[in-house]
Amino acid sequence: MSSEVQVIDAQRAEVARVNTQTGEVVDTRDFGGYAGVATVALSQEQAAHLAEQLPDEAHDILPTGEVYVSQVHYRRLLNKVFGPGGWALVPRSAFAMQGNTITREYALVGPGGRFISEAIGESEYQPNNARMSYASACEACKSNALTRCCKDLGIASECWDKRFCEKWIDAHAVKVWRQSSTKPQWRRKDATPWFDEKGGATEQKAAAAGDATTATKCPHCGSANIGTAKDGAAFCRNCSKGI
């Protein structure tokens, strides 16, 4: 397939313009997409809900090690703050495909039809994957755009906080080896093990070094987040002390 961006859907969504003086939604087809920008008024309770750190149970980890929150938690929080139907994710462009990646731009619109934020969503589409249809890939693209739009509202902002992620991984995640992968992968400690899981990556590394206890747990702070310096010496990534 050509590397050029291919248009999948030629339709472009239109959004109503908002009269920022009266709050009235004016139905027009020439809307540029920024009506009512920075005019969404929130109560202290609504603002607090958007800014609050989500519970540990809401967080998950990708096999590559990035902490994230599933799209369902973003939608539940938006419904809690604005009410069902009080917000919308509006397409701002057609679907496009570059290689196997589907993209589309969306705008998050709040009460009164006011613009909040915009982002481009993306998802991978593999035509040979019988478990994922084109429609499912497009839905994943939409959900990806939603999580990106919600960054401007501060939802799940802790996922971009390095210190939070390090502590969460230390407490709730484990790195394991799989038969189908040449690199260790992450999962939640309380998640069902992978079907081809061979054991913890840290434990196997420690056993090979002949000192499993020292290599898997810091004697200073008890953290299992152990690293290796350029000179081969082990150190704790949590408290930065040598082991």
Protein backbone atom coordinates (compact mmCIF):
# COMPACT_ATOMS: atom_id res chain seq x y z
CA MET A 1 0.00 0.00 0.00
CA SER A 2 1.21 3.49 -0.83
CA SER A 3 2.62 5.55 2.02
CA GLU A 4 0.46 8.48 0.92
CA VAL A 5 -2.50 9.33 3.14
CA GLN A 6 -5.65 7.82 1.63
CA VAL A 7 -9.07 9.34 2.32
CA ILE A 8 -11.47 6.68 3.58
CA ASP A 9 -14.56 8.80 4.24
CA ALA A 10 -15.27 11.98 2.27
CA GLN A 11 -17.88 13.37 4.69
CA ARG A 12 -16.91 16.21 7.04
CA ALA A 13 -18.93 16.82 10.19
CA GLU A 14 -20.44 20.23 10.90
CA VAL A 15 -20.93 21.66 14.38
CA ALA A 16 -23.32 24.39 15.50
CA ARG A 17 -21.97 27.87 16.31
CA VAL A 18 -22.56 29.22 19.81
CA ASN A 19 -23.49 32.79 20.67
CA THR A 20 -21.11 33.40 23.58
CA GLN A 21 -23.18 36.41 24.74
CA THR A 22 -26.40 34.46 25.30
CA GLY A 23 -25.23 30.85 25.21
CA GLU A 24 -27.65 30.16 22.35
CA VAL A 25 -26.67 27.52 19.84
CA VAL A 26 -27.04 28.92 16.34
CA ASP A 27 -27.51 26.23 13.71
CA THR A 28 -25.17 27.08 10.84
CA ARG A 29 -23.13 25.05 8.38
CA ASP A 30 -20.04 27.28 8.19
CA PHE A 31 -18.78 26.64 11.72
CA GLY A 32 -15.01 26.69 12.04
CA GLY A 33 -15.01 24.52 15.13
CA TYR A 34 -13.98 26.87 17.99
CA ALA A 35 -17.27 28.41 19.12
CA GLY A 36 -17.33 29.22 22.82
CA VAL A 37 -13.67 28.32 23.27
CA ALA A 38 -12.49 28.78 26.88
CA THR A 39 -16.02 29.72 28.06
CA VAL A 40 -17.15 26.43 29.62
CA ALA A 41 -18.09 27.30 33.21
CA LEU A 42 -17.53 24.58 35.80
CA SER A 43 -18.60 24.45 39.41
CA GLN A 44 -15.98 23.74 42.05
CA GLU A 45 -17.38 20.23 42.39
CA GLN A 46 -17.14 19.57 38.64
CA ALA A 47 -13.58 20.92 38.48
CA ALA A 48 -12.59 18.75 41.45
CA HIS A 49 -13.98 15.61 39.79
CA LEU A 50 -12.01 16.29 36.60
CA ALA A 51 -8.76 16.94 38.49
CA GLU A 52 -8.94 14.07 40.97
CA GLN A 53 -6.51 11.20 40.64
CA LEU A 54 -8.24 8.05 39.47
CA PRO A 55 -8.04 4.98 41.77
CA ASP A 56 -5.25 2.48 41.24
CA GLU A 57 -7.77 -0.09 40.01
CA ALA A 58 -8.55 2.16 37.02
CA HIS A 59 -4.96 2.14 35.80
CA ASP A 60 -3.41 -0.51 33.62
CA ILE A 61 -0.10 -1.04 31.87
CA LEU A 62 0.80 -1.77 28.27
CA PRO A 63 3.13 -4.71 27.55
CA THR A 64 5.77 -2.10 26.68
CA GLY A 65 5.56 -0.51 30.14
CA GLU A 66 3.40 2.61 29.72
CA VAL A 67 0.76 3.26 32.40
CA TYR A 68 -2.65 4.22 31.00
CA VAL A 69 -6.34 4.47 31.80
CA SER A 70 -8.94 2.78 29.58
CA GLN A 71 -11.33 4.94 27.56
CA VAL A 72 -14.33 3.71 29.56
CA HIS A 73 -13.13 5.62 32.64
CA TYR A 74 -12.87 8.85 30.64
CA ARG A 75 -16.43 8.42 29.36
CA ARG A 76 -17.79 7.64 32.83
CA LEU A 77 -16.13 10.73 34.28
CA LEU A 78 -17.41 12.99 31.48
CA ASN A 79 -20.92 11.62 32.05
CA LYS A 80 -20.53 12.23 35.79
CA VAL A 81 -19.41 15.85 35.32
CA PHE A 82 -21.47 16.97 32.31
CA GLY A 83 -24.24 14.37 32.30
CA PRO A 84 -25.04 11.86 29.55
CA GLY A 85 -25.59 13.85 26.34
CA GLY A 86 -23.96 16.93 27.87
CA TRP A 87 -20.77 16.43 25.90
CA ALA A 88 -19.84 15.05 22.48
CA LEU A 89 -16.86 13.94 20.45
CA VAL A 90 -17.36 15.52 17.03
CA PRO A 91 -15.44 14.43 13.89
CA ARG A 92 -13.43 17.27 12.36
CA SER A 93 -12.11 15.39 9.33
CA ALA A 94 -12.62 12.27 7.27
CA PHE A 95 -11.06 8.96 8.18
CA ALA A 96 -7.65 8.58 6.57
CA MET A 97 -5.23 5.69 6.36
CA GLN A 98 -1.45 5.73 6.11
CA GLY A 99 -0.03 2.25 5.88
CA ASN A 100 -2.04 0.25 8.43
CA THR A 101 -2.82 3.25 10.66
CA ILE A 102 -6.28 4.81 10.65
CA THR A 103 -6.47 8.46 11.76
CA ARG A 104 -9.23 11.02 12.25
CA GLU A 105 -9.41 14.42 13.94
CA TYR A 106 -12.07 14.98 16.61
CA ALA A 107 -13.19 17.88 18.78
CA LEU A 108 -14.48 17.51 22.33
CA VAL A 109 -17.56 19.73 22.69
CA GLY A 110 -19.04 20.56 26.08
CA PRO A 111 -22.29 22.05 27.41
CA GLY A 112 -23.91 24.62 25.14
CA GLY A 113 -21.99 23.36 22.12
CA ARG A 114 -18.79 24.98 23.38
CA PHE A 115 -15.43 23.81 22.06
CA ILE A 116 -13.13 22.26 24.70
CA SER A 117 -10.24 20.60 22.86
CA GLU A 118 -9.25 18.71 19.73
CA ALA A 119 -6.93 15.83 18.89
CA ILE A 120 -6.15 13.31 16.18
CA GLY A 121 -6.96 9.73 17.08
CA GLU A 122 -5.17 6.73 15.64
CA SER A 123 -5.47 2.96 15.60
CA GLU A 124 -3.92 0.02 13.80
CA TYR A 125 -5.98 -1.89 11.27
CA GLN A 126 -4.79 -5.28 10.08
CA PRO A 127 -7.12 -6.58 7.33
CA ASN A 128 -5.87 -10.13 7.93
CA ASN A 129 -6.85 -10.04 11.61
CA ALA A 130 -10.21 -11.81 11.79
CA ARG A 131 -10.78 -10.49 15.33
CA MET A 132 -10.74 -6.82 14.28
CA SER A 133 -13.06 -5.39 11.66
CA TYR A 134 -12.62 -2.03 9.94
CA ALA A 135 -15.47 -0.67 12.07
CA SER A 136 -13.77 -1.80 15.29
CA ALA A 137 -10.52 -0.12 14.22
CA CYS A 138 -12.41 3.13 13.54
CA GLU A 139 -14.04 2.92 16.98
CA ALA A 140 -10.60 2.43 18.55
CA CYS A 141 -9.42 5.54 16.68
CA LYS A 142 -12.31 7.52 18.18
CA SER A 143 -11.54 6.30 21.70
CA ASN A 144 -7.88 7.20 21.25
CA ALA A 145 -8.87 10.74 20.24
CA LEU A 146 -11.13 11.00 23.30
CA THR A 147 -8.33 10.18 25.75
CA ARG A 148 -6.11 12.76 24.04
CA CYS A 149 -8.80 15.44 24.11
CA CYS A 150 -9.35 14.83 27.83
CA LYS A 151 -5.73 15.70 28.61
CA ASP A 152 -6.72 19.38 28.39
CA LEU A 153 -9.30 18.78 31.14
CA GLY A 154 -6.67 17.15 33.35
CA ILE A 155 -8.37 13.75 33.37
CA ALA A 156 -5.92 10.97 34.34
CA SER A 157 -3.05 13.48 34.22
CA GLU A 158 -1.11 11.25 36.61
CA CYS A 159 -0.37 8.95 33.65
CA TRP A 160 2.05 11.60 32.38
CA ASP A 161 3.66 12.02 35.82
CA LYS A 162 6.92 10.06 35.86
CA ARG A 163 7.06 9.72 39.65
CA PHE A 164 3.48 8.46 39.86
CA CYS A 165 4.10 5.91 37.11
CA GLU A 166 7.26 4.62 38.78
CA LYS A 167 5.47 4.12 42.10
CA TRP A 168 2.41 2.56 40.45
CA ILE A 169 4.54 0.11 38.46
CA ASP A 170 6.49 -0.82 41.58
CA ALA A 171 3.29 -1.58 43.48
CA HIS A 172 0.99 -3.01 40.82
CA ALA A 173 2.95 -4.31 37.81
CA VAL A 174 5.33 -7.13 36.99
CA LYS A 175 7.65 -7.75 34.05
CA VAL A 176 7.56 -11.29 32.64
CA TRP A 177 9.02 -13.36 29.84
CA ARG A 178 6.81 -14.89 27.14
CA GLN A 179 7.65 -17.66 24.72
CA SER A 180 6.30 -15.62 21.80
CA SER A 181 8.43 -12.52 22.54
CA THR A 182 12.14 -11.79 22.51
CA LYS A 183 11.69 -9.01 25.08
CA PRO A 184 10.06 -9.13 28.52
CA GLN A 185 6.55 -7.65 28.77
CA TRP A 186 4.61 -5.92 31.53
CA ARG A 187 1.22 -6.75 33.04
CA ARG A 188 -0.67 -5.99 36.25
CA LYS A 189 0.28 -8.23 39.14
CA ASP A 190 -3.37 -9.20 39.64
CA ALA A 191 -3.99 -9.86 35.93
CA THR A 192 -4.33 -13.35 34.51
CA PRO A 193 -0.86 -14.53 33.39
CA TRP A 194 -0.17 -14.69 29.66
CA PHE A 195 -0.94 -18.11 28.17
CA ASP A 196 2.74 -18.51 27.18
CA GLU A 197 4.29 -16.85 30.23
CA LYS A 198 7.63 -18.31 31.34
CA GLY A 199 8.22 -16.43 34.58
CA GLY A 200 9.23 -13.06 35.98
CA ALA A 201 11.97 -11.25 34.07
CA THR A 202 13.55 -9.80 37.23
CA GLU A 203 13.65 -13.16 38.98
CA GLN A 204 15.27 -14.90 36.01
CA LYS A 205 17.88 -12.17 35.70
CA ALA A 206 18.63 -12.40 39.41
CA ALA A 207 18.94 -16.18 39.30
CA ALA A 208 21.41 -15.93 36.44
CA ALA A 209 23.48 -13.54 38.54
CA GLY A 210 23.35 -15.94 41.50
CA ASP A 211 21.82 -13.45 43.92
CA ALA A 212 18.05 -13.35 43.50
CA THR A 213 17.26 -11.67 46.82
CA THR A 214 19.61 -8.73 46.33
CA ALA A 215 18.72 -8.19 42.67
CA THR A 216 14.94 -8.22 43.12
CA LYS A 217 14.55 -6.09 46.24
CA CYS A 218 16.29 -2.94 47.45
CA PRO A 219 17.59 -3.33 51.02
CA HIS A 220 17.11 0.41 51.65
CA CYS A 221 13.49 1.01 50.59
CA GLY A 222 12.20 -2.44 49.66
CA SER A 223 11.47 -1.49 46.05
CA ALA A 224 11.71 -4.11 43.31
CA ASN A 225 12.50 -1.48 40.67
CA ILE A 226 16.18 -2.42 40.24
CA GLY A 227 18.47 -1.09 37.52
CA THR A 228 22.01 -1.73 36.34
CA ALA A 229 24.56 1.06 35.90
CA LYS A 230 27.08 1.23 33.04
CA ASP A 231 29.74 -0.32 35.27
CA GLY A 232 27.46 -3.29 35.97
CA ALA A 233 26.60 -2.28 39.52
CA ALA A 234 22.97 -2.66 40.62
CA PHE A 235 21.05 0.34 41.95
CA CYS A 236 17.50 1.13 43.06
CA ARG A 237 15.55 3.32 40.65
CA ASN A 238 13.17 4.29 43.45
CA CYS A 239 15.65 5.69 46.01
CA SER A 240 18.74 5.90 43.69
CA LYS A 241 20.93 4.07 46.19
CA GLY A 242 23.46 1.42 45.24
CA ILE A 243 22.86 -2.23 46.09
